[in-house]
Protein backbone atom coordinates (compact mmCIF):
# COMPACT_ATOMS: atom_id res chain seq x y z
CA MET A 1 -20.25 -11.40 -40.78
CA ALA A 2 -18.60 -9.05 -41.71
CA ARG A 3 -20.08 -5.34 -41.63
CA MET A 4 -22.47 -4.44 -43.94
CA GLU A 5 -21.80 -2.67 -47.29
CA SER A 6 -22.31 0.73 -48.02
CA ARG A 7 -25.48 1.86 -50.02
CA ARG A 8 -25.13 3.44 -53.00
CA ASP A 9 -28.62 5.14 -53.35
CA GLU A 10 -28.30 6.50 -56.70
CA SER A 11 -31.90 5.77 -58.34
CA LEU A 12 -31.63 2.20 -60.15
CA TRP A 13 -35.43 2.23 -61.42
CA VAL A 14 -36.71 4.64 -63.60
CA GLY A 15 -38.24 4.65 -67.29
CA GLU A 16 -38.24 1.93 -69.60
CA GLU A 17 -36.86 -0.11 -66.60
CA LEU A 18 -39.05 0.24 -64.13
CA GLN A 19 -41.67 -0.47 -66.68
CA GLN A 20 -40.19 -2.99 -67.83
CA PRO A 21 -38.45 -5.04 -64.85
CA HIS A 22 -37.91 -8.12 -66.13
CA ALA A 23 -36.74 -7.40 -69.36
CA GLN A 24 -33.69 -5.55 -67.96
CA SER A 25 -30.38 -7.46 -69.64
CA ASP A 26 -29.17 -6.25 -66.04
CA LYS A 27 -31.54 -6.69 -63.86
CA ALA A 28 -29.85 -8.94 -61.75
CA VAL A 29 -27.21 -6.09 -60.69
CA ARG A 30 -30.08 -3.98 -59.86
CA VAL A 31 -31.81 -6.14 -58.22
CA LYS A 32 -28.18 -6.83 -56.26
CA ARG A 33 -27.95 -3.11 -55.23
CA MET A 34 -30.99 -2.43 -54.51
CA PHE A 35 -31.58 -5.27 -51.86
CA ASP A 36 -28.15 -4.24 -50.10
CA ALA A 37 -29.87 -0.70 -50.18
CA ILE A 38 -32.35 -1.37 -47.74
CA ALA A 39 -31.79 -4.31 -46.23
CA PRO A 40 -31.71 -2.14 -42.91
CA THR A 41 -35.68 -1.88 -42.98
CA TYR A 42 -36.71 -4.69 -45.09
CA ALA A 43 -38.48 -6.71 -42.65
CA LEU A 44 -39.88 -3.44 -40.98
CA ILE A 45 -41.20 -3.18 -44.50
CA ASN A 46 -42.29 -6.01 -45.22
CA THR A 47 -44.63 -6.57 -41.76
CA LEU A 48 -45.53 -3.22 -41.71
CA PHE A 49 -47.00 -2.43 -45.40
CA SER A 50 -48.98 -5.72 -45.43
CA GLY A 51 -50.84 -5.56 -41.94
CA GLY A 52 -48.34 -8.14 -40.57
CA ARG A 53 -49.84 -10.86 -43.19
CA ASP A 54 -46.33 -11.38 -44.35
CA ARG A 55 -46.13 -13.96 -41.50
CA ALA A 56 -49.00 -15.02 -41.33
CA TRP A 57 -48.31 -16.73 -45.22
CA ARG A 58 -44.87 -18.05 -44.39
CA ARG A 59 -46.51 -20.01 -41.89
CA SER A 60 -49.24 -21.29 -44.35
CA ALA A 61 -46.18 -21.86 -46.79
CA VAL A 62 -43.84 -24.51 -44.20
CA ARG A 63 -47.37 -25.86 -43.04
CA SER A 64 -47.75 -26.89 -46.84
CA VAL A 65 -44.87 -29.32 -47.15
CA GLY A 66 -45.16 -30.78 -43.29
CA PRO A 67 -41.34 -30.18 -42.76
CA THR A 68 -39.16 -32.95 -40.15
CA ALA A 69 -36.89 -33.38 -38.11
CA SER A 70 -34.85 -34.98 -40.48
CA ASP A 71 -35.45 -32.62 -43.46
CA ARG A 72 -32.62 -30.55 -44.55
CA LEU A 73 -33.85 -27.27 -45.97
CA LEU A 74 -32.32 -24.55 -48.33
CA ASP A 75 -33.99 -21.17 -48.43
CA ILE A 76 -33.25 -19.04 -51.49
CA ALA A 77 -33.12 -15.65 -51.68
CA CYS A 78 -33.13 -16.08 -48.06
CA GLY A 79 -33.05 -11.79 -47.18
CA THR A 80 -32.74 -10.84 -43.52
CA GLY A 81 -33.89 -14.73 -42.84
CA ASP A 82 -37.49 -14.18 -41.84
CA PHE A 83 -38.62 -17.21 -44.09
CA ALA A 84 -35.72 -19.89 -42.90
CA ARG A 85 -36.76 -18.44 -39.53
CA ALA A 86 -40.50 -19.60 -39.63
CA PHE A 87 -39.22 -22.85 -40.49
CA GLY A 88 -37.34 -23.30 -37.32
CA ARG A 89 -40.56 -21.78 -35.17
CA CYS A 90 -42.61 -24.70 -36.47
CA GLY A 91 -43.78 -27.64 -34.63
CA THR A 92 -41.35 -30.24 -36.40
CA LYS A 93 -38.58 -28.06 -37.46
CA PRO A 94 -36.41 -29.08 -40.03
CA GLY A 95 -32.69 -30.75 -38.80
CA PHE A 96 -30.74 -29.06 -40.63
CA VAL A 97 -31.64 -25.49 -42.36
CA VAL A 98 -29.12 -23.10 -44.69
CA GLY A 99 -30.14 -19.59 -46.06
CA CYS A 100 -28.96 -18.37 -49.20
CA ASP A 101 -28.50 -15.17 -50.60
CA PHE A 102 -26.52 -12.84 -52.96
CA ALA A 103 -26.98 -9.62 -51.47
CA PHE A 104 -24.64 -9.48 -48.76
CA ASN A 105 -26.29 -6.86 -46.18
CA MET A 106 -29.46 -8.98 -46.09
CA LEU A 107 -27.22 -12.09 -45.23
CA THR A 108 -25.84 -9.95 -42.46
CA LEU A 109 -28.85 -9.17 -40.86
CA ALA A 110 -29.77 -12.89 -41.29
CA ALA A 111 -26.85 -13.73 -39.22
CA ALA A 112 -27.42 -11.28 -36.94
CA GLY A 113 -31.00 -12.56 -35.74
CA GLY A 114 -31.10 -16.17 -36.78
CA GLY A 115 -30.48 -17.40 -33.22
CA GLY A 116 -28.33 -20.17 -34.87
CA MET A 117 -30.67 -22.15 -36.26
CA ALA A 118 -29.86 -22.01 -39.39
CA ARG A 119 -25.96 -21.16 -40.93
CA TRP A 120 -25.83 -18.50 -44.04
CA ALA A 121 -24.34 -18.84 -47.44
CA GLN A 122 -23.91 -15.59 -50.03
CA GLY A 123 -24.73 -17.48 -53.48
CA ASP A 124 -26.65 -16.52 -57.17
CA ALA A 125 -29.53 -18.88 -57.32
CA LEU A 126 -28.86 -18.81 -60.78
CA THR A 127 -25.81 -21.15 -59.59
CA LEU A 128 -26.36 -22.04 -56.89
CA PRO A 129 -23.16 -23.44 -54.67
CA PHE A 130 -24.32 -26.74 -53.63
CA SER A 131 -24.13 -30.47 -54.88
CA SER A 132 -26.92 -31.68 -57.12
CA GLY A 133 -29.70 -33.88 -54.31
CA SER A 134 -27.94 -31.99 -50.85
CA PHE A 135 -31.59 -31.19 -49.86
CA THR A 136 -35.35 -32.42 -49.35
CA ILE A 137 -36.77 -28.87 -49.13
CA THR A 138 -36.35 -25.97 -51.22
CA SER A 139 -37.82 -22.50 -50.35
CA CYS A 140 -38.21 -19.14 -51.51
CA ALA A 141 -40.40 -16.64 -50.51
CA PHE A 142 -41.41 -13.76 -52.73
CA GLY A 143 -37.81 -13.72 -54.38
CA VAL A 144 -38.25 -15.89 -58.00
CA ARG A 145 -40.20 -12.55 -59.27
CA ASN A 146 -36.58 -11.03 -59.05
CA LEU A 147 -34.49 -13.53 -60.94
CA GLN A 148 -32.87 -12.74 -64.07
CA ASP A 149 -33.80 -15.98 -65.72
CA LEU A 150 -36.78 -17.08 -63.60
CA ASP A 151 -36.47 -21.08 -65.70
CA SER A 152 -32.71 -21.06 -64.44
CA GLY A 153 -33.27 -20.36 -60.82
CA LEU A 154 -36.72 -23.19 -60.92
CA GLY A 155 -33.76 -25.57 -62.98
CA GLU A 156 -31.36 -25.51 -59.81
CA MET A 157 -34.19 -25.44 -56.87
CA PHE A 158 -35.14 -28.95 -58.64
CA ARG A 159 -31.40 -29.84 -59.24
CA VAL A 160 -30.26 -29.26 -55.66
CA LEU A 161 -33.41 -31.05 -54.37
CA ALA A 162 -33.51 -35.22 -53.47
CA PRO A 163 -35.60 -37.52 -55.40
CA GLY A 164 -39.17 -37.12 -53.45
CA GLY A 165 -38.21 -33.59 -52.16
CA ARG A 166 -40.20 -30.86 -51.90
CA ALA A 167 -40.01 -27.26 -53.01
CA VAL A 168 -42.57 -24.31 -51.83
CA ILE A 169 -42.42 -21.26 -53.56
CA LEU A 170 -44.55 -17.70 -51.78
CA GLU A 171 -45.08 -14.86 -53.99
CA PHE A 172 -46.79 -12.19 -54.75
CA THR A 173 -49.40 -12.62 -57.21
CA ARG A 174 -52.70 -10.48 -58.93
CA PRO A 175 -56.31 -11.15 -57.56
CA SER A 176 -58.67 -12.78 -59.71
CA ARG A 177 -61.36 -10.72 -58.25
CA ARG A 178 -61.47 -7.44 -60.62
CA LEU A 179 -63.21 -5.11 -57.99
CA TRP A 180 -60.38 -6.59 -54.99
CA ARG A 181 -57.66 -6.73 -58.01
CA TRP A 182 -57.95 -3.11 -58.40
CA ALA A 183 -58.15 -1.98 -54.67
CA TYR A 184 -54.92 -4.35 -54.13
CA GLU A 185 -53.13 -2.76 -57.20
CA PHE A 186 -53.93 0.86 -55.98
CA TYR A 187 -52.30 0.28 -52.74
CA SER A 188 -49.55 -1.47 -53.94
CA THR A 189 -48.66 1.14 -56.38
CA LYS A 190 -50.01 4.05 -55.35
CA ILE A 191 -50.28 4.40 -51.24
CA MET A 192 -47.27 1.75 -50.30
CA PRO A 193 -44.60 3.39 -52.12
CA LEU A 194 -45.24 6.33 -50.93
CA GLY A 195 -45.36 5.11 -47.15
CA ALA A 196 -42.26 2.63 -48.13
CA THR A 197 -40.42 5.40 -49.28
CA LEU A 198 -40.42 7.99 -46.30
CA VAL A 199 -39.26 5.01 -43.96
CA SER A 200 -36.91 3.37 -45.40
CA ARG A 201 -35.41 6.38 -46.78
CA ASP A 202 -35.16 5.17 -49.79
CA ARG A 203 -33.30 6.40 -52.95
CA THR A 204 -33.05 3.13 -55.29
CA GLY A 205 -37.07 3.45 -56.20
CA ALA A 206 -37.62 -0.14 -54.99
CA TYR A 207 -40.86 0.49 -53.62
CA ARG A 208 -41.59 1.47 -57.34
CA TYR A 209 -39.92 -1.73 -58.61
CA LEU A 210 -41.54 -4.04 -56.27
CA PRO A 211 -44.93 -3.43 -57.15
CA SER A 212 -44.07 -3.10 -60.97
CA SER A 213 -42.08 -6.62 -60.89
CA VAL A 214 -45.90 -7.92 -59.33
CA VAL A 215 -48.27 -6.51 -62.06
CA SER A 216 -45.39 -6.93 -64.77
CA PHE A 217 -44.96 -11.00 -63.67
CA GLY A 218 -46.75 -14.35 -64.94
CA ASP A 219 -49.85 -15.99 -63.33
CA ALA A 220 -49.90 -19.07 -60.93
CA GLU A 221 -50.94 -20.62 -64.21
CA SER A 222 -47.40 -20.15 -65.91
CA MET A 223 -45.51 -20.97 -62.46
CA CYS A 224 -47.04 -23.90 -62.30
CA ALA A 225 -46.68 -24.88 -66.19
CA ARG A 226 -42.36 -23.67 -65.61
CA LEU A 227 -42.37 -26.16 -62.70
CA ARG A 228 -42.84 -28.80 -64.01
CA ARG A 229 -41.04 -27.94 -67.52
CA VAL A 230 -37.60 -28.05 -65.31
CA GLY A 231 -38.93 -31.49 -63.71
CA PHE A 232 -41.10 -31.56 -61.04
CA GLU A 233 -43.81 -34.11 -61.04
CA THR A 234 -46.49 -33.10 -58.88
CA VAL A 235 -47.28 -28.99 -58.94
CA THR A 236 -50.10 -27.23 -56.39
CA ALA A 237 -50.94 -23.62 -56.19
CA THR A 238 -52.91 -22.18 -53.10
CA PRO A 239 -54.01 -18.39 -53.10
CA LEU A 240 -54.06 -16.59 -49.96
CA THR A 241 -55.99 -13.96 -49.12
CA LEU A 242 -58.30 -13.49 -51.31
CA GLY A 243 -55.20 -14.07 -54.46
CA VAL A 244 -52.50 -11.47 -53.15
CA VAL A 245 -49.50 -14.26 -52.75
CA THR A 246 -49.97 -17.68 -53.89
CA VAL A 247 -48.24 -20.57 -51.92
CA TYR A 248 -46.71 -23.10 -54.95
CA VAL A 249 -45.19 -26.56 -53.56
CA ALA A 250 -43.69 -28.35 -56.35
CA ILE A 251 -42.56 -32.62 -55.64
CA LYS A 252 -39.85 -34.11 -57.04
CA GLY A 253 -39.93 -37.69 -58.57
CA GLN A 254 -38.26 -40.26 -57.21
CA HIS A 255 -36.70 -40.98 -60.49
CA GLU A 256 -35.05 -37.95 -61.76
CA ARG A 257 -35.43 -36.38 -64.99
CA GLY A 258 -35.89 -32.34 -66.33
CA ILE A 259 -33.19 -29.88 -66.62
CA THR A 260 -29.91 -29.83 -64.37
CA GLN A 261 -28.54 -27.22 -64.45
CA ARG A 262 -25.60 -27.41 -62.97
CA GLN A 263 -23.02 -30.71 -61.87
CA GLN A 264 -21.03 -30.80 -58.75
């Protein structure tokens, strides 16, 4: 891929934008600029400030859908490609892997570190540039809460799946245990933003936005309801690390129903 786009370091998340990140009409523009800016240190920050647990979370998510050599995988909002590569390191690898993201700088790094195991495509998760029924697995790690329109994004995950296909989503959630929730949110809203901003030298406010986007996002029950609403027949939610993250697995029925966001 071509060289990375230049960074725009002005703050994107302050005041009302930070307090209500999911209500901003230009959320997608802000998110894209933010991820293009933090791309060079994104993977390092994830590993460093999760204590390395991010890798274990991805492995658990991969195992939850049991990929086989006949599977065709689309990793949506793939970032620097860590989730797609986790599928490539599992016992039985999908036969075909595509990573898709709208942040060019993220894709540049994904392609540089992909080792030829995947193809990379720039595209918006709300209007995926793939035909209906093209894949047997769709995946998204830590990306759905960044979508401008969550229901449209989930509908696209459903649309590009073949009948019987599986969607797997890995996303941060708020722990249900009160003491653990307090400890985790103190860390994620006070300590992590300072450390991550220092290490990444970020000026966009990314590491203030990210914990705010978790606290103000829906819970596991509402996510499962949304997945069923767009047409998935079977939906499960499995909490990891005392509920810090949740793995959602949604299965598309053999007879398609639900919302078709885009026909090609």
